[in-house]
Amino acid sequence: MCEKFISYRRVSTDKQGESGLGLDAQQAAVNAYVASRPDSRLIADFIEIESGGRDDRPQLAAAMDRARLAGATLVIAKLDRLSRDAAFLLGLAKSGVRFVAADMPHADALTVGILAVVAENERRLISERTKAALQAAKARGVRLGNPNGAAHLQGDVKARAVATLKAKAQSVADGLKVIVEAIKAEGVTSANGIAGALNARDIEGPRGGQWTARSVLNVMARL
């Protein structure tokens, strides 16, 4: 079975993007890694000009959506091209999108695991500092919370969980909608034609198989 990859390349400045500095080197590293994998191919490439300190990057989000839809692996040249933020990397690992760094092929399993421990430790320290601050406030006579606090907290947790699931499903739907609109713009409007175009783009069907006219109609009805 062919192993599919989606590449993501990033530079920090417009000047670097226009000159190709950094982008070409990243592409060479990605191409070399994909070529080293038996029976594999690169099916899409995403480029972003944005600082590594920011995590709200539309091209990265689009690359992740495409990788999720295609059942592909997100490949980057270097780990710092993705993010230097440990919590963000942990979130990416939990998102279900497979990724690998060409300069550190085991980063998806080993390095992210280490970063996850670091992030978890930081969260623990923040929690401890918060509890200490609340205890100090209580000692000063500050009234904390309300009688229904626990019930409200449970409701908030459930609401956040539902919202997260809905947001993830909407992200997949939005990504598919963009691709279908692009297919229609090429003059392909029938359900059979769209199904064939989705299969040609290596986009996995709703249950991981091939797209059919019926599955296209079902998904488009939900969209």
N, C-alpha and C. Protein backbone atom coordinates (compact mmCIF):
# COMPACT_ATOMS: atom_id res chain seq x y z
N MET A 1 0.84 -1.20 0.00
CA MET A 1 0.00 0.00 0.00
C MET A 1 0.87 1.25 0.00
N CYS A 2 0.54 2.22 -0.85
CA CYS A 2 1.34 3.43 -0.99
C CYS A 2 1.23 4.30 0.27
N GLU A 3 2.37 4.75 0.77
CA GLU A 3 2.40 5.65 1.92
C GLU A 3 2.34 7.08 1.41
N LYS A 4 1.36 7.86 1.87
CA LYS A 4 1.15 9.21 1.37
C LYS A 4 1.68 10.24 2.36
N PHE A 5 2.24 11.32 1.80
CA PHE A 5 2.78 12.40 2.62
C PHE A 5 2.24 13.75 2.16
N ILE A 6 2.05 14.65 3.12
CA ILE A 6 1.72 16.05 2.87
C ILE A 6 2.86 16.87 3.46
N SER A 7 3.50 17.71 2.66
CA SER A 7 4.61 18.50 3.19
C SER A 7 4.15 19.87 3.65
N TYR A 8 4.81 20.38 4.68
CA TYR A 8 4.54 21.72 5.19
C TYR A 8 5.88 22.43 5.33
N ARG A 9 5.98 23.57 4.65
CA ARG A 9 7.21 24.36 4.71
C ARG A 9 6.88 25.76 5.23
N ARG A 10 7.75 26.27 6.08
CA ARG A 10 7.52 27.59 6.66
C ARG A 10 8.79 28.40 6.72
N VAL A 11 8.65 29.71 6.41
CA VAL A 11 9.72 30.68 6.63
C VAL A 11 9.13 31.83 7.43
N SER A 12 9.99 32.61 8.06
CA SER A 12 9.50 33.62 8.99
C SER A 12 9.23 34.98 8.37
N THR A 13 9.82 35.27 7.20
CA THR A 13 9.68 36.60 6.62
C THR A 13 9.25 36.55 5.17
N ASP A 14 8.62 37.65 4.69
CA ASP A 14 8.23 37.76 3.29
C ASP A 14 9.45 37.69 2.39
N LYS A 15 10.55 38.29 2.84
CA LYS A 15 11.77 38.30 2.02
C LYS A 15 12.27 36.89 1.78
N GLN A 16 12.25 36.07 2.83
CA GLN A 16 12.66 34.68 2.67
C GLN A 16 11.73 33.94 1.72
N GLY A 17 10.42 34.23 1.84
CA GLY A 17 9.45 33.57 0.98
C GLY A 17 9.63 33.93 -0.47
N GLU A 18 9.88 35.22 -0.76
CA GLU A 18 10.04 35.67 -2.13
C GLU A 18 11.34 35.14 -2.75
N SER A 19 12.39 35.08 -1.97
CA SER A 19 13.69 34.65 -2.50
C SER A 19 13.81 33.13 -2.59
N GLY A 20 12.97 32.43 -1.84
CA GLY A 20 13.07 30.98 -1.82
C GLY A 20 14.09 30.48 -0.82
N LEU A 21 14.77 31.41 -0.13
CA LEU A 21 15.76 31.00 0.86
C LEU A 21 15.08 30.20 1.96
N GLY A 22 15.58 29.06 2.24
CA GLY A 22 14.99 28.22 3.27
C GLY A 22 13.96 27.27 2.72
N LEU A 23 13.08 27.75 1.84
CA LEU A 23 12.03 26.90 1.29
C LEU A 23 12.61 25.79 0.42
N ASP A 24 13.58 26.16 -0.43
CA ASP A 24 14.19 25.15 -1.32
C ASP A 24 14.92 24.08 -0.51
N ALA A 25 15.63 24.52 0.52
CA ALA A 25 16.36 23.56 1.36
C ALA A 25 15.39 22.64 2.09
N GLN A 26 14.28 23.21 2.55
CA GLN A 26 13.28 22.39 3.22
C GLN A 26 12.67 21.37 2.26
N GLN A 27 12.39 21.82 1.02
CA GLN A 27 11.81 20.91 0.05
C GLN A 27 12.77 19.78 -0.29
N ALA A 28 14.06 20.12 -0.39
CA ALA A 28 15.06 19.08 -0.69
C ALA A 28 15.11 18.05 0.43
N ALA A 29 15.03 18.51 1.68
CA ALA A 29 15.06 17.58 2.82
C ALA A 29 13.81 16.70 2.83
N VAL A 30 12.67 17.30 2.54
CA VAL A 30 11.41 16.54 2.52
C VAL A 30 11.44 15.51 1.39
N ASN A 31 11.87 15.95 0.20
CA ASN A 31 11.92 15.03 -0.94
C ASN A 31 12.85 13.85 -0.67
N ALA A 32 14.00 14.14 -0.02
CA ALA A 32 14.95 13.07 0.28
C ALA A 32 14.35 12.07 1.25
N TYR A 33 13.61 12.59 2.25
CA TYR A 33 13.00 11.68 3.23
C TYR A 33 11.94 10.81 2.57
N VAL A 34 11.05 11.43 1.78
CA VAL A 34 9.98 10.67 1.12
C VAL A 34 10.58 9.62 0.19
N ALA A 35 11.65 10.02 -0.54
CA ALA A 35 12.30 9.09 -1.47
C ALA A 35 12.92 7.90 -0.73
N SER A 36 13.27 8.12 0.54
CA SER A 36 13.90 7.03 1.31
C SER A 36 12.88 6.01 1.80
N ARG A 37 11.60 6.35 1.71
CA ARG A 37 10.55 5.45 2.16
C ARG A 37 10.06 4.60 0.99
N PRO A 38 10.00 3.30 1.14
CA PRO A 38 9.56 2.45 0.04
C PRO A 38 8.08 2.67 -0.29
N ASP A 39 7.79 2.72 -1.59
CA ASP A 39 6.41 2.85 -2.06
C ASP A 39 5.70 4.01 -1.39
N SER A 40 6.25 5.20 -1.55
CA SER A 40 5.65 6.39 -0.95
C SER A 40 5.65 7.53 -1.96
N ARG A 41 4.78 8.52 -1.73
CA ARG A 41 4.76 9.68 -2.61
C ARG A 41 4.19 10.90 -1.88
N LEU A 42 4.61 12.07 -2.37
CA LEU A 42 4.17 13.34 -1.83
C LEU A 42 2.95 13.78 -2.63
N ILE A 43 1.79 13.98 -1.95
CA ILE A 43 0.57 14.29 -2.69
C ILE A 43 0.16 15.76 -2.59
N ALA A 44 0.75 16.53 -1.69
CA ALA A 44 0.41 17.95 -1.58
C ALA A 44 1.51 18.68 -0.81
N ASP A 45 1.63 19.98 -1.06
CA ASP A 45 2.66 20.79 -0.42
C ASP A 45 2.04 22.10 0.03
N PHE A 46 2.28 22.50 1.29
CA PHE A 46 1.73 23.73 1.84
C PHE A 46 2.88 24.62 2.30
N ILE A 47 2.81 25.91 1.96
CA ILE A 47 3.85 26.86 2.30
C ILE A 47 3.26 28.00 3.12
N GLU A 48 3.96 28.40 4.17
CA GLU A 48 3.47 29.48 5.02
C GLU A 48 4.61 30.44 5.35
N ILE A 49 4.28 31.74 5.34
CA ILE A 49 5.24 32.76 5.77
C ILE A 49 4.71 33.33 7.07
N GLU A 50 5.25 32.84 8.16
CA GLU A 50 4.73 33.21 9.48
C GLU A 50 5.77 32.88 10.54
N SER A 51 5.76 33.62 11.61
CA SER A 51 6.68 33.38 12.71
C SER A 51 6.39 32.06 13.39
N GLY A 52 7.44 31.39 13.83
CA GLY A 52 7.28 30.12 14.53
C GLY A 52 6.67 30.28 15.90
N GLY A 53 6.63 31.52 16.40
CA GLY A 53 6.03 31.74 17.72
C GLY A 53 4.52 31.76 17.71
N ARG A 54 3.94 31.80 16.50
CA ARG A 54 2.48 31.83 16.40
C ARG A 54 1.96 30.46 15.98
N ASP A 55 0.87 30.03 16.62
CA ASP A 55 0.29 28.73 16.31
C ASP A 55 -0.98 28.82 15.48
N ASP A 56 -1.52 30.04 15.30
CA ASP A 56 -2.73 30.20 14.48
C ASP A 56 -2.31 30.42 13.02
N ARG A 57 -1.88 29.34 12.39
CA ARG A 57 -1.37 29.41 11.02
C ARG A 57 -2.31 28.69 10.07
N PRO A 58 -2.97 29.43 9.17
CA PRO A 58 -3.97 28.82 8.29
C PRO A 58 -3.43 27.73 7.37
N GLN A 59 -2.21 27.90 6.85
CA GLN A 59 -1.67 26.89 5.96
C GLN A 59 -1.33 25.60 6.70
N LEU A 60 -0.89 25.73 7.95
CA LEU A 60 -0.64 24.53 8.76
C LEU A 60 -1.96 23.83 9.04
N ALA A 61 -3.00 24.61 9.36
CA ALA A 61 -4.32 24.02 9.62
C ALA A 61 -4.83 23.31 8.37
N ALA A 62 -4.62 23.94 7.20
CA ALA A 62 -5.07 23.33 5.94
C ALA A 62 -4.29 22.05 5.65
N ALA A 63 -2.99 22.07 5.94
CA ALA A 63 -2.15 20.88 5.72
C ALA A 63 -2.60 19.74 6.63
N MET A 64 -2.93 20.06 7.88
CA MET A 64 -3.39 19.04 8.81
C MET A 64 -4.73 18.47 8.37
N ASP A 65 -5.63 19.35 7.91
CA ASP A 65 -6.94 18.87 7.43
C ASP A 65 -6.77 17.95 6.24
N ARG A 66 -5.89 18.34 5.30
CA ARG A 66 -5.68 17.52 4.10
C ARG A 66 -5.06 16.17 4.49
N ALA A 67 -4.11 16.19 5.42
CA ALA A 67 -3.48 14.94 5.87
C ALA A 67 -4.51 14.03 6.53
N ARG A 68 -5.40 14.64 7.33
CA ARG A 68 -6.44 13.85 8.01
C ARG A 68 -7.41 13.24 7.00
N LEU A 69 -7.81 14.04 6.01
CA LEU A 69 -8.75 13.56 5.01
C LEU A 69 -8.14 12.48 4.12
N ALA A 70 -6.86 12.63 3.82
CA ALA A 70 -6.21 11.69 2.90
C ALA A 70 -5.59 10.50 3.62
N GLY A 71 -5.60 10.50 4.95
CA GLY A 71 -4.94 9.44 5.69
C GLY A 71 -3.44 9.47 5.46
N ALA A 72 -2.91 10.70 5.31
CA ALA A 72 -1.49 10.87 4.99
C ALA A 72 -0.72 11.33 6.22
N THR A 73 0.60 11.35 6.09
CA THR A 73 1.49 11.81 7.15
C THR A 73 1.99 13.20 6.81
N LEU A 74 1.94 14.11 7.77
CA LEU A 74 2.46 15.46 7.59
C LEU A 74 3.97 15.39 7.78
N VAL A 75 4.72 15.84 6.77
CA VAL A 75 6.18 15.77 6.85
C VAL A 75 6.75 17.18 6.77
N ILE A 76 7.71 17.47 7.65
CA ILE A 76 8.39 18.76 7.68
C ILE A 76 9.89 18.51 7.63
N ALA A 77 10.65 19.54 7.23
CA ALA A 77 12.09 19.38 7.11
C ALA A 77 12.76 19.30 8.47
N LYS A 78 12.37 20.21 9.36
CA LYS A 78 12.96 20.27 10.70
C LYS A 78 11.85 20.49 11.71
N LEU A 79 12.05 19.96 12.90
CA LEU A 79 11.02 20.04 13.93
C LEU A 79 10.69 21.48 14.28
N ASP A 80 11.68 22.39 14.27
CA ASP A 80 11.39 23.77 14.63
C ASP A 80 10.61 24.51 13.56
N ARG A 81 10.45 23.90 12.38
CA ARG A 81 9.61 24.51 11.35
C ARG A 81 8.14 24.40 11.72
N LEU A 82 7.83 23.44 12.58
CA LEU A 82 6.43 23.23 12.98
C LEU A 82 6.07 24.16 14.13
N SER A 83 6.78 24.03 15.21
CA SER A 83 6.55 24.91 16.35
C SER A 83 7.59 24.65 17.42
N ARG A 84 7.90 25.70 18.15
CA ARG A 84 8.81 25.56 19.29
C ARG A 84 8.03 25.41 20.59
N ASP A 85 6.71 25.41 20.49
CA ASP A 85 5.87 25.35 21.67
C ASP A 85 5.50 23.91 22.00
N ALA A 86 5.90 23.44 23.16
CA ALA A 86 5.68 22.04 23.52
C ALA A 86 4.20 21.70 23.61
N ALA A 87 3.40 22.60 24.21
CA ALA A 87 1.97 22.32 24.36
C ALA A 87 1.31 22.19 22.99
N PHE A 88 1.75 23.00 22.03
CA PHE A 88 1.18 22.91 20.68
C PHE A 88 1.52 21.57 20.05
N LEU A 89 2.76 21.12 20.20
CA LEU A 89 3.16 19.83 19.65
C LEU A 89 2.37 18.70 20.29
N LEU A 90 2.11 18.82 21.59
CA LEU A 90 1.32 17.82 22.28
C LEU A 90 -0.10 17.78 21.71
N GLY A 91 -0.66 18.96 21.47
CA GLY A 91 -1.99 19.03 20.88
C GLY A 91 -2.03 18.43 19.50
N LEU A 92 -0.98 18.65 18.72
CA LEU A 92 -0.90 18.07 17.38
C LEU A 92 -0.85 16.55 17.47
N ALA A 93 -0.07 16.05 18.41
CA ALA A 93 0.04 14.60 18.57
C ALA A 93 -1.31 13.99 18.93
N LYS A 94 -2.10 14.71 19.76
CA LYS A 94 -3.40 14.21 20.18
C LYS A 94 -4.47 14.38 19.10
N SER A 95 -4.19 15.21 18.08
CA SER A 95 -5.19 15.50 17.05
C SER A 95 -5.44 14.31 16.14
N GLY A 96 -4.54 13.34 16.16
CA GLY A 96 -4.70 12.18 15.29
C GLY A 96 -3.97 12.31 13.97
N VAL A 97 -3.34 13.46 13.72
CA VAL A 97 -2.59 13.65 12.48
C VAL A 97 -1.17 13.13 12.68
N ARG A 98 -0.78 12.17 11.86
CA ARG A 98 0.59 11.65 11.94
C ARG A 98 1.54 12.69 11.36
N PHE A 99 2.69 12.87 11.98
CA PHE A 99 3.67 13.77 11.41
C PHE A 99 5.08 13.27 11.71
N VAL A 100 6.01 13.73 10.88
CA VAL A 100 7.39 13.32 11.04
C VAL A 100 8.29 14.45 10.57
N ALA A 101 9.43 14.62 11.22
CA ALA A 101 10.43 15.60 10.83
C ALA A 101 11.55 14.87 10.10
N ALA A 102 11.91 15.36 8.90
CA ALA A 102 12.91 14.68 8.08
C ALA A 102 14.26 14.60 8.79
N ASP A 103 14.59 15.63 9.60
CA ASP A 103 15.89 15.62 10.28
C ASP A 103 15.86 14.80 11.56
N MET A 104 14.66 14.36 11.98
CA MET A 104 14.53 13.60 13.21
C MET A 104 13.33 12.66 13.06
N PRO A 105 13.48 11.60 12.29
CA PRO A 105 12.35 10.74 11.92
C PRO A 105 11.55 10.17 13.08
N HIS A 106 12.17 10.06 14.26
CA HIS A 106 11.46 9.50 15.40
C HIS A 106 10.85 10.57 16.29
N ALA A 107 10.85 11.82 15.82
CA ALA A 107 10.33 12.92 16.64
C ALA A 107 8.86 12.74 16.96
N ASP A 108 8.10 12.11 16.06
CA ASP A 108 6.67 11.97 16.31
C ASP A 108 6.39 11.06 17.50
N ALA A 109 7.30 10.15 17.78
CA ALA A 109 7.07 9.23 18.89
C ALA A 109 7.92 9.61 20.12
N LEU A 110 9.20 9.86 19.89
CA LEU A 110 10.12 10.07 21.00
C LEU A 110 10.12 11.51 21.51
N THR A 111 10.42 12.44 20.61
CA THR A 111 10.56 13.83 21.03
C THR A 111 9.27 14.41 21.55
N VAL A 112 8.17 14.13 20.86
CA VAL A 112 6.88 14.67 21.32
C VAL A 112 6.52 14.08 22.68
N GLY A 113 6.90 12.84 22.90
CA GLY A 113 6.67 12.25 24.21
C GLY A 113 7.42 13.00 25.30
N ILE A 114 8.66 13.36 25.00
CA ILE A 114 9.46 14.13 25.96
C ILE A 114 8.86 15.52 26.17
N LEU A 115 8.48 16.15 25.05
CA LEU A 115 7.87 17.47 25.15
C LEU A 115 6.55 17.42 25.91
N ALA A 116 5.83 16.32 25.76
CA ALA A 116 4.56 16.16 26.47
C ALA A 116 4.81 16.12 27.97
N VAL A 117 5.88 15.44 28.38
CA VAL A 117 6.22 15.38 29.81
C VAL A 117 6.56 16.77 30.32
N VAL A 118 7.32 17.53 29.51
CA VAL A 118 7.68 18.89 29.90
C VAL A 118 6.42 19.76 30.04
N ALA A 119 5.53 19.64 29.04
CA ALA A 119 4.30 20.43 29.07
C ALA A 119 3.44 20.06 30.27
N GLU A 120 3.35 18.77 30.55
CA GLU A 120 2.54 18.31 31.69
C GLU A 120 3.13 18.82 33.00
N ASN A 121 4.46 18.84 33.09
CA ASN A 121 5.10 19.35 34.31
C ASN A 121 4.82 20.83 34.48
N GLU A 122 4.83 21.58 33.38
CA GLU A 122 4.54 23.00 33.46
C GLU A 122 3.10 23.24 33.90
N ARG A 123 2.17 22.42 33.39
CA ARG A 123 0.78 22.55 33.81
C ARG A 123 0.63 22.25 35.29
N ARG A 124 1.42 21.26 35.78
CA ARG A 124 1.35 20.91 37.20
C ARG A 124 1.85 22.07 38.06
N LEU A 125 2.94 22.71 37.63
CA LEU A 125 3.48 23.84 38.37
C LEU A 125 2.49 25.01 38.39
N ILE A 126 1.83 25.25 37.25
CA ILE A 126 0.84 26.32 37.19
C ILE A 126 -0.32 26.02 38.13
N SER A 127 -0.75 24.75 38.14
CA SER A 127 -1.85 24.34 39.02
C SER A 127 -1.48 24.55 40.48
N GLU A 128 -0.24 24.17 40.83
CA GLU A 128 0.20 24.33 42.22
C GLU A 128 0.26 25.80 42.60
N ARG A 129 0.74 26.65 41.69
CA ARG A 129 0.81 28.08 42.00
C ARG A 129 -0.59 28.67 42.14
N THR A 130 -1.53 28.18 41.30
CA THR A 130 -2.91 28.67 41.37
C THR A 130 -3.54 28.30 42.70
N LYS A 131 -3.34 27.03 43.12
CA LYS A 131 -3.90 26.58 44.40
C LYS A 131 -3.32 27.37 45.56
N ALA A 132 -2.02 27.64 45.49
CA ALA A 132 -1.37 28.41 46.57
C ALA A 132 -1.94 29.82 46.63
N ALA A 133 -2.20 30.40 45.47
CA ALA A 133 -2.75 31.76 45.44
C ALA A 133 -4.16 31.77 45.99
N LEU A 134 -4.97 30.74 45.66
CA LEU A 134 -6.34 30.66 46.17
C LEU A 134 -6.35 30.48 47.68
N GLN A 135 -5.44 29.64 48.19
CA GLN A 135 -5.36 29.44 49.64
C GLN A 135 -4.96 30.72 50.35
N ALA A 136 -4.03 31.47 49.74
CA ALA A 136 -3.62 32.74 50.35
C ALA A 136 -4.78 33.73 50.36
N ALA A 137 -5.55 33.74 49.26
CA ALA A 137 -6.71 34.64 49.20
C ALA A 137 -7.75 34.25 50.23
N LYS A 138 -7.97 32.95 50.40
CA LYS A 138 -8.94 32.48 51.39
C LYS A 138 -8.50 32.85 52.80
N ALA A 139 -7.19 32.76 53.05
CA ALA A 139 -6.66 33.11 54.37
C ALA A 139 -6.86 34.60 54.66
N ARG A 140 -6.92 35.41 53.59
CA ARG A 140 -7.14 36.85 53.78
C ARG A 140 -8.63 37.17 53.93
N GLY A 141 -9.49 36.13 53.87
CA GLY A 141 -10.91 36.35 54.03
C GLY A 141 -11.67 36.56 52.74
N VAL A 142 -11.00 36.35 51.61
CA VAL A 142 -11.68 36.50 50.32
C VAL A 142 -12.62 35.32 50.12
N ARG A 143 -13.89 35.58 49.77
CA ARG A 143 -14.87 34.53 49.57
C ARG A 143 -14.70 33.95 48.17
N LEU A 144 -14.54 32.65 48.10
CA LEU A 144 -14.27 31.98 46.82
C LEU A 144 -15.43 31.09 46.42
N GLY A 145 -15.74 31.05 45.14
CA GLY A 145 -16.70 30.10 44.60
C GLY A 145 -18.13 30.43 44.95
N ASN A 146 -19.04 29.46 44.69
CA ASN A 146 -20.46 29.61 45.00
C ASN A 146 -21.04 28.22 45.26
N PRO A 147 -22.23 28.10 45.87
CA PRO A 147 -22.79 26.79 46.24
C PRO A 147 -22.97 25.84 45.07
N ASN A 148 -23.16 26.39 43.89
CA ASN A 148 -23.39 25.54 42.72
C ASN A 148 -22.13 25.36 41.88
N GLY A 149 -20.99 25.67 42.48
CA GLY A 149 -19.75 25.64 41.71
C GLY A 149 -19.46 24.29 41.07
N ALA A 150 -19.60 23.20 41.82
CA ALA A 150 -19.28 21.87 41.30
C ALA A 150 -20.18 21.50 40.13
N ALA A 151 -21.46 21.79 40.28
CA ALA A 151 -22.41 21.47 39.21
C ALA A 151 -22.08 22.26 37.95
N HIS A 152 -21.74 23.54 38.15
CA HIS A 152 -21.39 24.37 37.00
C HIS A 152 -20.12 23.85 36.33
N LEU A 153 -19.16 23.42 37.15
CA LEU A 153 -17.90 22.92 36.62
C LEU A 153 -18.13 21.68 35.77
N GLN A 154 -18.94 20.74 36.27
CA GLN A 154 -19.22 19.53 35.51
C GLN A 154 -19.90 19.87 34.19
N GLY A 155 -20.83 20.82 34.24
CA GLY A 155 -21.51 21.23 33.01
C GLY A 155 -20.55 21.84 32.02
N ASP A 156 -19.61 22.65 32.53
CA ASP A 156 -18.63 23.28 31.66
C ASP A 156 -17.72 22.27 31.00
N VAL A 157 -17.31 21.25 31.77
CA VAL A 157 -16.43 20.21 31.22
C VAL A 157 -17.13 19.47 30.09
N LYS A 158 -18.40 19.09 30.32
CA LYS A 158 -19.16 18.40 29.28
C LYS A 158 -19.34 19.29 28.06
N ALA A 159 -19.65 20.55 28.29
CA ALA A 159 -19.86 21.48 27.18
C ALA A 159 -18.59 21.65 26.36
N ARG A 160 -17.45 21.73 27.05
CA ARG A 160 -16.18 21.88 26.33
C ARG A 160 -15.87 20.63 25.52
N ALA A 161 -16.17 19.45 26.08
CA ALA A 161 -15.91 18.20 25.36
C ALA A 161 -16.76 18.13 24.09
N VAL A 162 -18.04 18.48 24.22
CA VAL A 162 -18.93 18.47 23.06
C VAL A 162 -18.47 19.48 22.03
N ALA A 163 -18.08 20.68 22.50
CA ALA A 163 -17.62 21.73 21.59
C ALA A 163 -16.37 21.29 20.84
N THR A 164 -15.46 20.58 21.55
CA THR A 164 -14.23 20.11 20.91
C THR A 164 -14.53 19.11 19.80
N LEU A 165 -15.44 18.17 20.08
CA LEU A 165 -15.81 17.18 19.07
C LEU A 165 -16.47 17.85 17.87
N LYS A 166 -17.36 18.80 18.14
CA LYS A 166 -18.03 19.51 17.06
C LYS A 166 -17.03 20.30 16.22
N ALA A 167 -16.08 20.94 16.89
CA ALA A 167 -15.09 21.74 16.17
C ALA A 167 -14.22 20.87 15.28
N LYS A 168 -13.86 19.68 15.80
CA LYS A 168 -13.03 18.76 15.02
C LYS A 168 -13.80 18.26 13.79
N ALA A 169 -15.09 17.91 13.99
CA ALA A 169 -15.90 17.45 12.87
C ALA A 169 -16.11 18.56 11.86
N GLN A 170 -16.31 19.78 12.35
CA GLN A 170 -16.51 20.91 11.44
C GLN A 170 -15.25 21.21 10.64
N SER A 171 -14.09 21.03 11.29
CA SER A 171 -12.82 21.26 10.61
C SER A 171 -12.65 20.31 9.43
N VAL A 172 -12.99 19.03 9.66
CA VAL A 172 -12.92 18.04 8.58
C VAL A 172 -13.91 18.39 7.47
N ALA A 173 -15.14 18.77 7.89
CA ALA A 173 -16.17 19.11 6.91
C ALA A 173 -15.77 20.33 6.08
N ASP A 174 -15.22 21.34 6.75
CA ASP A 174 -14.79 22.54 6.04
C ASP A 174 -13.68 22.23 5.04
N GLY A 175 -12.75 21.38 5.46
CA GLY A 175 -11.66 21.01 4.56
C GLY A 175 -12.18 20.29 3.34
N LEU A 176 -13.15 19.40 3.52
CA LEU A 176 -13.74 18.67 2.40
C LEU A 176 -14.53 19.61 1.51
N LYS A 177 -15.23 20.56 2.12
CA LYS A 177 -16.04 21.50 1.35
C LYS A 177 -15.15 22.32 0.41
N VAL A 178 -14.01 22.76 0.91
CA VAL A 178 -13.08 23.54 0.08
C VAL A 178 -12.61 22.73 -1.11
N ILE A 179 -12.29 21.45 -0.86
CA ILE A 179 -11.80 20.59 -1.94
C ILE A 179 -12.90 20.35 -2.97
N VAL A 180 -14.14 20.09 -2.49
CA VAL A 180 -15.26 19.86 -3.42
C VAL A 180 -15.54 21.10 -4.24
N GLU A 181 -15.46 22.27 -3.63
CA GLU A 181 -15.69 23.51 -4.37
C GLU A 181 -14.63 23.70 -5.45
N ALA A 182 -13.39 23.31 -5.14
CA ALA A 182 -12.32 23.41 -6.13
C ALA A 182 -12.58 22.46 -7.30
N ILE A 183 -13.09 21.27 -6.97
CA ILE A 183 -13.41 20.29 -8.02
C ILE A 183 -14.53 20.83 -8.91
N LYS A 184 -15.55 21.42 -8.29
CA LYS A 184 -16.66 21.98 -9.06
C LYS A 184 -16.19 23.12 -9.96
N ALA A 185 -15.22 23.91 -9.45
CA ALA A 185 -14.70 25.02 -10.24
C ALA A 185 -13.99 24.53 -11.49
N GLU A 186 -13.55 23.27 -11.48
CA GLU A 186 -12.91 22.67 -12.65
C GLU A 186 -13.94 22.14 -13.64
N GLY A 187 -15.22 22.29 -13.30
CA GLY A 187 -16.28 21.86 -14.22
C GLY A 187 -16.86 20.50 -13.90
N VAL A 188 -16.41 19.88 -12.81
CA VAL A 188 -16.93 18.57 -12.41
C VAL A 188 -18.03 18.81 -11.37
N THR A 189 -19.27 18.52 -11.73
CA THR A 189 -20.38 18.82 -10.83
C THR A 189 -21.22 17.61 -10.45
N SER A 190 -21.14 16.51 -11.19
CA SER A 190 -21.94 15.34 -10.86
C SER A 190 -21.35 14.61 -9.66
N ALA A 191 -22.21 13.88 -8.95
CA ALA A 191 -21.75 13.14 -7.77
C ALA A 191 -20.71 12.09 -8.17
N ASN A 192 -20.92 11.42 -9.30
CA ASN A 192 -19.94 10.43 -9.77
C ASN A 192 -18.62 11.09 -10.09
N GLY A 193 -18.68 12.26 -10.75
CA GLY A 193 -17.46 12.96 -11.11
C GLY A 193 -16.69 13.44 -9.89
N ILE A 194 -17.42 13.97 -8.91
CA ILE A 194 -16.78 14.44 -7.68
C ILE A 194 -16.15 13.27 -6.92
N ALA A 195 -16.86 12.14 -6.88
CA ALA A 195 -16.31 10.95 -6.22
C ALA A 195 -15.00 10.54 -6.87
N GLY A 196 -14.98 10.52 -8.21
CA GLY A 196 -13.75 10.15 -8.91
C GLY A 196 -12.63 11.12 -8.65
N ALA A 197 -12.95 12.43 -8.60
CA ALA A 197 -11.92 13.44 -8.34
C ALA A 197 -11.37 13.33 -6.93
N LEU A 198 -12.23 13.03 -5.96
CA LEU A 198 -11.78 12.86 -4.57
C LEU A 198 -10.85 11.64 -4.46
N ASN A 199 -11.23 10.56 -5.14
CA ASN A 199 -10.38 9.36 -5.13
C ASN A 199 -9.03 9.63 -5.79
N ALA A 200 -9.06 10.43 -6.88
CA ALA A 200 -7.81 10.76 -7.57
C ALA A 200 -6.90 11.61 -6.71
N ARG A 201 -7.49 12.36 -5.78
CA ARG A 201 -6.71 13.21 -4.88
C ARG A 201 -6.31 12.47 -3.61
N ASP A 202 -6.59 11.19 -3.55
CA ASP A 202 -6.23 10.36 -2.38
C ASP A 202 -6.94 10.80 -1.11
N ILE A 203 -8.17 11.34 -1.25
CA ILE A 203 -8.97 11.70 -0.08
C ILE A 203 -9.77 10.47 0.34
N GLU A 204 -9.59 10.04 1.57
CA GLU A 204 -10.28 8.85 2.04
C GLU A 204 -11.78 9.09 2.18
N GLY A 205 -12.57 8.07 1.90
CA GLY A 205 -14.01 8.14 2.04
C GLY A 205 -14.42 8.20 3.50
N PRO A 206 -15.74 8.39 3.77
CA PRO A 206 -16.21 8.52 5.15
C PRO A 206 -15.80 7.37 6.06
N ARG A 207 -15.67 6.18 5.51
CA ARG A 207 -15.28 5.02 6.32
C ARG A 207 -13.90 4.51 5.95
N GLY A 208 -13.12 5.36 5.33
CA GLY A 208 -11.75 5.00 5.01
C GLY A 208 -11.57 4.35 3.65
N GLY A 209 -12.67 4.09 2.93
CA GLY A 209 -12.57 3.46 1.62
C GLY A 209 -12.66 4.46 0.49
N GLN A 210 -13.10 3.98 -0.68
CA GLN A 210 -13.23 4.83 -1.86
C GLN A 210 -14.54 5.63 -1.80
N TRP A 211 -14.53 6.78 -2.45
CA TRP A 211 -15.73 7.59 -2.55
C TRP A 211 -16.65 7.03 -3.63
N THR A 212 -17.95 7.10 -3.38
CA THR A 212 -18.96 6.74 -4.36
C THR A 212 -19.91 7.93 -4.51
N ALA A 213 -20.75 7.88 -5.53
CA ALA A 213 -21.71 8.96 -5.72
C ALA A 213 -22.61 9.10 -4.50
N ARG A 214 -23.02 7.98 -3.92
CA ARG A 214 -23.90 8.01 -2.74
C ARG A 214 -23.20 8.65 -1.55
N SER A 215 -21.95 8.29 -1.30
CA SER A 215 -21.24 8.87 -0.15
C SER A 215 -21.01 10.36 -0.34
N VAL A 216 -20.79 10.78 -1.59
CA VAL A 216 -20.64 12.21 -1.87
C VAL A 216 -21.94 12.94 -1.55
N LEU A 217 -23.07 12.40 -2.02
CA LEU A 217 -24.36 13.03 -1.77
C LEU A 217 -24.68 13.09 -0.27
N ASN A 218 -24.34 12.02 0.45
CA ASN A 218 -24.60 11.99 1.90
C ASN A 218 -23.80 13.07 2.62
N VAL A 219 -22.51 13.16 2.31
CA VAL A 219 -21.66 14.14 2.98
C VAL A 219 -22.06 15.56 2.60
N MET A 220 -22.35 15.79 1.32
CA MET A 220 -22.72 17.13 0.90
C MET A 220 -24.05 17.56 1.53
N ALA A 221 -24.93 16.60 1.76
CA ALA A 221 -26.20 16.92 2.43
C ALA A 221 -25.93 17.40 3.86
N ARG A 222 -24.98 16.77 4.54
CA ARG A 222 -24.64 17.21 5.89
C ARG A 222 -23.95 18.56 5.89
N LEU A 223 -23.12 18.82 4.86
CA LEU A 223 -22.45 20.10 4.77
C LEU A 223 -23.45 21.22 4.52
